[in-house]
Amino acid sequence: VCGTDQTAFGVIRLLVDSGIRVPEDVIVTGFDGILAGADDSTPNDHPSAMEELGRRAVRMLLSRNGKPWEKPEKLILPVRLIVRGSCGCG
């Protein structure tokens, strides 16, 4: 399990270079849904988690007009599971 798709790509490359088959021998997952992780069989009709996180962060910053927060803000974004080939399920 990798925190980001970019890390998952690196792990997959390392495994394949070591002669380990993905997903036959090892299943690899990423989290953030970047465009590079998409393939032709999975529609990419929504912004990635990182894109949405960036949009929300900009909105929050703009709403403050340069003034710092008095306490931390908490924001929970919805997630959606997209099954692709590296997990062996797609």
N, C-alpha and C. Protein backbone atom coordinates (compact mmCIF):
# COMPACT_ATOMS: atom_id res chain seq x y z
N VAL A 1 0.85 -1.17 0.00
CA VAL A 1 0.00 0.00 0.00
C VAL A 1 0.90 1.23 0.00
N CYS A 2 0.69 2.09 -1.00
CA CYS A 2 1.49 3.31 -1.13
C CYS A 2 0.60 4.52 -0.91
N GLY A 3 1.13 5.54 -0.28
CA GLY A 3 0.37 6.74 0.00
C GLY A 3 0.04 7.55 -1.24
N THR A 4 0.86 7.42 -2.28
CA THR A 4 0.61 8.17 -3.52
C THR A 4 0.80 7.25 -4.71
N ASP A 5 0.18 7.62 -5.83
CA ASP A 5 0.37 6.85 -7.06
C ASP A 5 1.81 6.93 -7.53
N GLN A 6 2.45 8.09 -7.36
CA GLN A 6 3.84 8.25 -7.78
C GLN A 6 4.74 7.25 -7.06
N THR A 7 4.52 7.07 -5.77
CA THR A 7 5.28 6.08 -5.00
C THR A 7 4.98 4.68 -5.52
N ALA A 8 3.71 4.41 -5.82
CA ALA A 8 3.32 3.10 -6.34
C ALA A 8 4.04 2.80 -7.66
N PHE A 9 4.16 3.81 -8.54
CA PHE A 9 4.91 3.60 -9.79
C PHE A 9 6.34 3.19 -9.51
N GLY A 10 6.97 3.85 -8.56
CA GLY A 10 8.35 3.51 -8.21
C GLY A 10 8.47 2.10 -7.64
N VAL A 11 7.52 1.72 -6.79
CA VAL A 11 7.52 0.38 -6.22
C VAL A 11 7.32 -0.66 -7.31
N ILE A 12 6.39 -0.41 -8.22
CA ILE A 12 6.15 -1.34 -9.33
C ILE A 12 7.41 -1.50 -10.16
N ARG A 13 8.06 -0.40 -10.49
CA ARG A 13 9.30 -0.45 -11.29
C ARG A 13 10.38 -1.27 -10.58
N LEU A 14 10.55 -1.03 -9.27
CA LEU A 14 11.54 -1.77 -8.49
C LEU A 14 11.21 -3.27 -8.46
N LEU A 15 9.95 -3.60 -8.26
CA LEU A 15 9.55 -5.01 -8.22
C LEU A 15 9.79 -5.70 -9.56
N VAL A 16 9.36 -5.05 -10.64
CA VAL A 16 9.53 -5.64 -11.98
C VAL A 16 11.01 -5.79 -12.30
N ASP A 17 11.82 -4.78 -11.98
CA ASP A 17 13.26 -4.87 -12.22
C ASP A 17 13.90 -6.00 -11.42
N SER A 18 13.27 -6.38 -10.31
CA SER A 18 13.77 -7.47 -9.47
C SER A 18 13.20 -8.83 -9.87
N GLY A 19 12.41 -8.85 -10.95
CA GLY A 19 11.84 -10.11 -11.43
C GLY A 19 10.55 -10.51 -10.74
N ILE A 20 9.96 -9.59 -10.01
CA ILE A 20 8.71 -9.88 -9.32
C ILE A 20 7.56 -9.37 -10.18
N ARG A 21 6.56 -10.22 -10.40
CA ARG A 21 5.43 -9.86 -11.26
C ARG A 21 4.35 -9.11 -10.47
N VAL A 22 3.87 -8.04 -11.08
CA VAL A 22 2.78 -7.25 -10.50
C VAL A 22 1.59 -7.36 -11.45
N PRO A 23 0.45 -7.81 -11.05
CA PRO A 23 -0.01 -8.13 -9.70
C PRO A 23 0.04 -9.61 -9.35
N GLU A 24 0.61 -10.43 -10.22
CA GLU A 24 0.59 -11.88 -9.98
C GLU A 24 1.28 -12.27 -8.67
N ASP A 25 2.45 -11.68 -8.38
CA ASP A 25 3.20 -12.02 -7.18
C ASP A 25 2.95 -11.03 -6.03
N VAL A 26 2.81 -9.75 -6.39
CA VAL A 26 2.62 -8.69 -5.39
C VAL A 26 1.56 -7.71 -5.91
N ILE A 27 0.64 -7.35 -5.05
CA ILE A 27 -0.37 -6.35 -5.39
C ILE A 27 0.12 -5.00 -4.90
N VAL A 28 -0.01 -3.97 -5.75
CA VAL A 28 0.44 -2.62 -5.40
C VAL A 28 -0.76 -1.67 -5.51
N THR A 29 -0.93 -0.83 -4.51
CA THR A 29 -1.99 0.17 -4.56
C THR A 29 -1.40 1.55 -4.31
N GLY A 30 -2.04 2.55 -4.91
CA GLY A 30 -1.72 3.96 -4.65
C GLY A 30 -2.98 4.61 -4.12
N PHE A 31 -2.92 5.91 -3.89
CA PHE A 31 -4.08 6.54 -3.28
C PHE A 31 -4.62 7.76 -4.01
N ASP A 32 -3.77 8.59 -4.57
CA ASP A 32 -4.24 9.93 -4.94
C ASP A 32 -4.88 10.05 -6.31
N GLY A 33 -4.89 9.02 -7.14
CA GLY A 33 -5.63 9.06 -8.39
C GLY A 33 -5.10 10.04 -9.42
N ILE A 34 -3.78 10.18 -9.53
CA ILE A 34 -3.23 11.11 -10.52
C ILE A 34 -3.50 10.58 -11.92
N LEU A 35 -3.51 11.48 -12.89
CA LEU A 35 -3.85 11.13 -14.27
C LEU A 35 -2.92 10.06 -14.83
N ALA A 36 -1.65 10.07 -14.46
CA ALA A 36 -0.71 9.08 -14.98
C ALA A 36 -1.09 7.66 -14.59
N GLY A 37 -1.90 7.51 -13.54
CA GLY A 37 -2.32 6.18 -13.12
C GLY A 37 -3.51 5.65 -13.89
N ALA A 38 -4.14 6.50 -14.68
CA ALA A 38 -5.33 6.09 -15.43
C ALA A 38 -4.94 5.24 -16.62
N ASP A 39 -5.85 4.39 -17.02
CA ASP A 39 -5.66 3.62 -18.25
C ASP A 39 -6.93 3.76 -19.08
N ASP A 40 -6.93 3.20 -20.27
CA ASP A 40 -8.06 3.37 -21.18
C ASP A 40 -9.35 2.74 -20.67
N SER A 41 -9.25 1.76 -19.78
CA SER A 41 -10.44 1.06 -19.31
C SER A 41 -11.13 1.76 -18.14
N THR A 42 -10.48 2.77 -17.57
CA THR A 42 -11.05 3.46 -16.43
C THR A 42 -11.35 4.90 -16.79
N PRO A 43 -12.64 5.28 -16.81
CA PRO A 43 -12.95 6.67 -17.15
C PRO A 43 -12.40 7.62 -16.10
N ASN A 44 -11.85 8.73 -16.55
CA ASN A 44 -11.30 9.72 -15.63
C ASN A 44 -12.12 11.00 -15.76
N ASP A 45 -13.40 10.90 -15.34
CA ASP A 45 -14.32 12.01 -15.50
C ASP A 45 -14.47 12.85 -14.23
N HIS A 46 -13.56 12.70 -13.31
CA HIS A 46 -13.61 13.47 -12.07
C HIS A 46 -12.20 13.94 -11.74
N PRO A 47 -12.08 15.03 -10.99
CA PRO A 47 -10.75 15.48 -10.62
C PRO A 47 -10.09 14.49 -9.67
N SER A 48 -8.78 14.39 -9.74
CA SER A 48 -8.07 13.49 -8.82
C SER A 48 -8.18 14.05 -7.41
N ALA A 49 -7.88 13.21 -6.45
CA ALA A 49 -7.91 13.63 -5.05
C ALA A 49 -6.96 14.80 -4.83
N MET A 50 -5.80 14.77 -5.48
CA MET A 50 -4.83 15.85 -5.31
C MET A 50 -5.34 17.14 -5.94
N GLU A 51 -6.00 17.05 -7.09
CA GLU A 51 -6.57 18.25 -7.71
C GLU A 51 -7.62 18.87 -6.80
N GLU A 52 -8.51 18.05 -6.28
CA GLU A 52 -9.57 18.56 -5.41
C GLU A 52 -8.99 19.14 -4.13
N LEU A 53 -7.99 18.49 -3.58
CA LEU A 53 -7.33 19.00 -2.38
C LEU A 53 -6.73 20.38 -2.65
N GLY A 54 -6.10 20.53 -3.80
CA GLY A 54 -5.52 21.82 -4.18
C GLY A 54 -6.58 22.90 -4.34
N ARG A 55 -7.66 22.56 -5.00
CA ARG A 55 -8.76 23.52 -5.19
C ARG A 55 -9.33 23.98 -3.85
N ARG A 56 -9.56 23.03 -2.97
CA ARG A 56 -10.12 23.37 -1.66
C ARG A 56 -9.15 24.24 -0.85
N ALA A 57 -7.86 23.90 -0.94
CA ALA A 57 -6.85 24.68 -0.20
C ALA A 57 -6.82 26.13 -0.70
N VAL A 58 -6.88 26.32 -2.01
CA VAL A 58 -6.88 27.67 -2.57
C VAL A 58 -8.11 28.43 -2.10
N ARG A 59 -9.28 27.79 -2.14
CA ARG A 59 -10.50 28.46 -1.67
C ARG A 59 -10.38 28.87 -0.21
N MET A 60 -9.82 27.97 0.60
CA MET A 60 -9.67 28.30 2.02
C MET A 60 -8.72 29.48 2.21
N LEU A 61 -7.61 29.48 1.49
CA LEU A 61 -6.64 30.58 1.61
C LEU A 61 -7.25 31.91 1.15
N LEU A 62 -7.96 31.88 0.04
CA LEU A 62 -8.57 33.10 -0.48
C LEU A 62 -9.64 33.64 0.48
N SER A 63 -10.34 32.74 1.15
CA SER A 63 -11.40 33.18 2.06
C SER A 63 -10.84 33.92 3.27
N ARG A 64 -9.57 33.73 3.59
CA ARG A 64 -8.96 34.35 4.76
C ARG A 64 -8.38 35.73 4.45
N ASN A 65 -8.26 36.09 3.18
CA ASN A 65 -7.70 37.39 2.80
C ASN A 65 -6.36 37.68 3.46
N GLY A 66 -5.52 36.66 3.54
CA GLY A 66 -4.18 36.83 4.10
C GLY A 66 -4.09 36.77 5.61
N LYS A 67 -5.21 36.60 6.28
CA LYS A 67 -5.20 36.53 7.74
C LYS A 67 -5.01 35.08 8.19
N PRO A 68 -4.17 34.85 9.19
CA PRO A 68 -3.95 33.47 9.65
C PRO A 68 -5.18 32.94 10.41
N TRP A 69 -5.29 31.63 10.48
CA TRP A 69 -6.35 30.99 11.24
C TRP A 69 -6.00 31.04 12.72
N GLU A 70 -7.02 31.13 13.54
CA GLU A 70 -6.80 31.10 14.99
C GLU A 70 -6.64 29.67 15.49
N LYS A 71 -7.25 28.73 14.78
CA LYS A 71 -7.12 27.31 15.13
C LYS A 71 -7.09 26.51 13.83
N PRO A 72 -6.58 25.28 13.87
CA PRO A 72 -6.49 24.47 12.64
C PRO A 72 -7.88 24.21 12.03
N GLU A 73 -7.92 24.16 10.73
CA GLU A 73 -9.14 23.82 9.99
C GLU A 73 -9.09 22.33 9.66
N LYS A 74 -10.24 21.69 9.70
CA LYS A 74 -10.33 20.28 9.33
C LYS A 74 -11.24 20.16 8.12
N LEU A 75 -10.78 19.45 7.12
CA LEU A 75 -11.55 19.26 5.90
C LEU A 75 -11.46 17.79 5.50
N ILE A 76 -12.60 17.15 5.34
CA ILE A 76 -12.63 15.75 4.93
C ILE A 76 -13.20 15.69 3.51
N LEU A 77 -12.42 15.16 2.59
CA LEU A 77 -12.86 15.04 1.21
C LEU A 77 -13.41 13.64 0.96
N PRO A 78 -14.42 13.53 0.12
CA PRO A 78 -14.93 12.19 -0.22
C PRO A 78 -13.89 11.45 -1.08
N VAL A 79 -13.88 10.16 -0.97
CA VAL A 79 -12.98 9.34 -1.79
C VAL A 79 -13.79 8.34 -2.59
N ARG A 80 -13.20 7.86 -3.67
CA ARG A 80 -13.86 6.86 -4.51
C ARG A 80 -12.81 5.82 -4.89
N LEU A 81 -13.13 4.57 -4.72
CA LEU A 81 -12.23 3.48 -5.08
C LEU A 81 -12.25 3.28 -6.58
N ILE A 82 -11.08 3.31 -7.20
CA ILE A 82 -10.94 3.01 -8.62
C ILE A 82 -10.02 1.80 -8.72
N VAL A 83 -10.56 0.69 -9.16
CA VAL A 83 -9.79 -0.55 -9.27
C VAL A 83 -9.08 -0.58 -10.60
N ARG A 84 -7.75 -0.76 -10.58
CA ARG A 84 -6.95 -0.82 -11.78
C ARG A 84 -6.12 -2.09 -11.77
N GLY A 85 -5.31 -2.27 -12.78
CA GLY A 85 -4.59 -3.52 -13.00
C GLY A 85 -3.58 -3.92 -11.95
N SER A 86 -2.90 -2.98 -11.28
CA SER A 86 -1.82 -3.36 -10.37
C SER A 86 -2.29 -4.05 -9.11
N CYS A 87 -3.62 -4.04 -8.86
CA CYS A 87 -4.13 -4.74 -7.67
C CYS A 87 -4.54 -6.17 -8.01
N GLY A 88 -4.55 -6.50 -9.29
CA GLY A 88 -4.94 -7.84 -9.70
C GLY A 88 -6.43 -8.04 -9.77
N CYS A 89 -7.18 -6.98 -9.59
CA CYS A 89 -8.65 -7.09 -9.57
C CYS A 89 -9.30 -6.60 -10.85
N GLY A 90 -8.59 -5.78 -11.63
CA GLY A 90 -9.20 -5.12 -12.78
C GLY A 90 -9.14 -5.91 -14.05
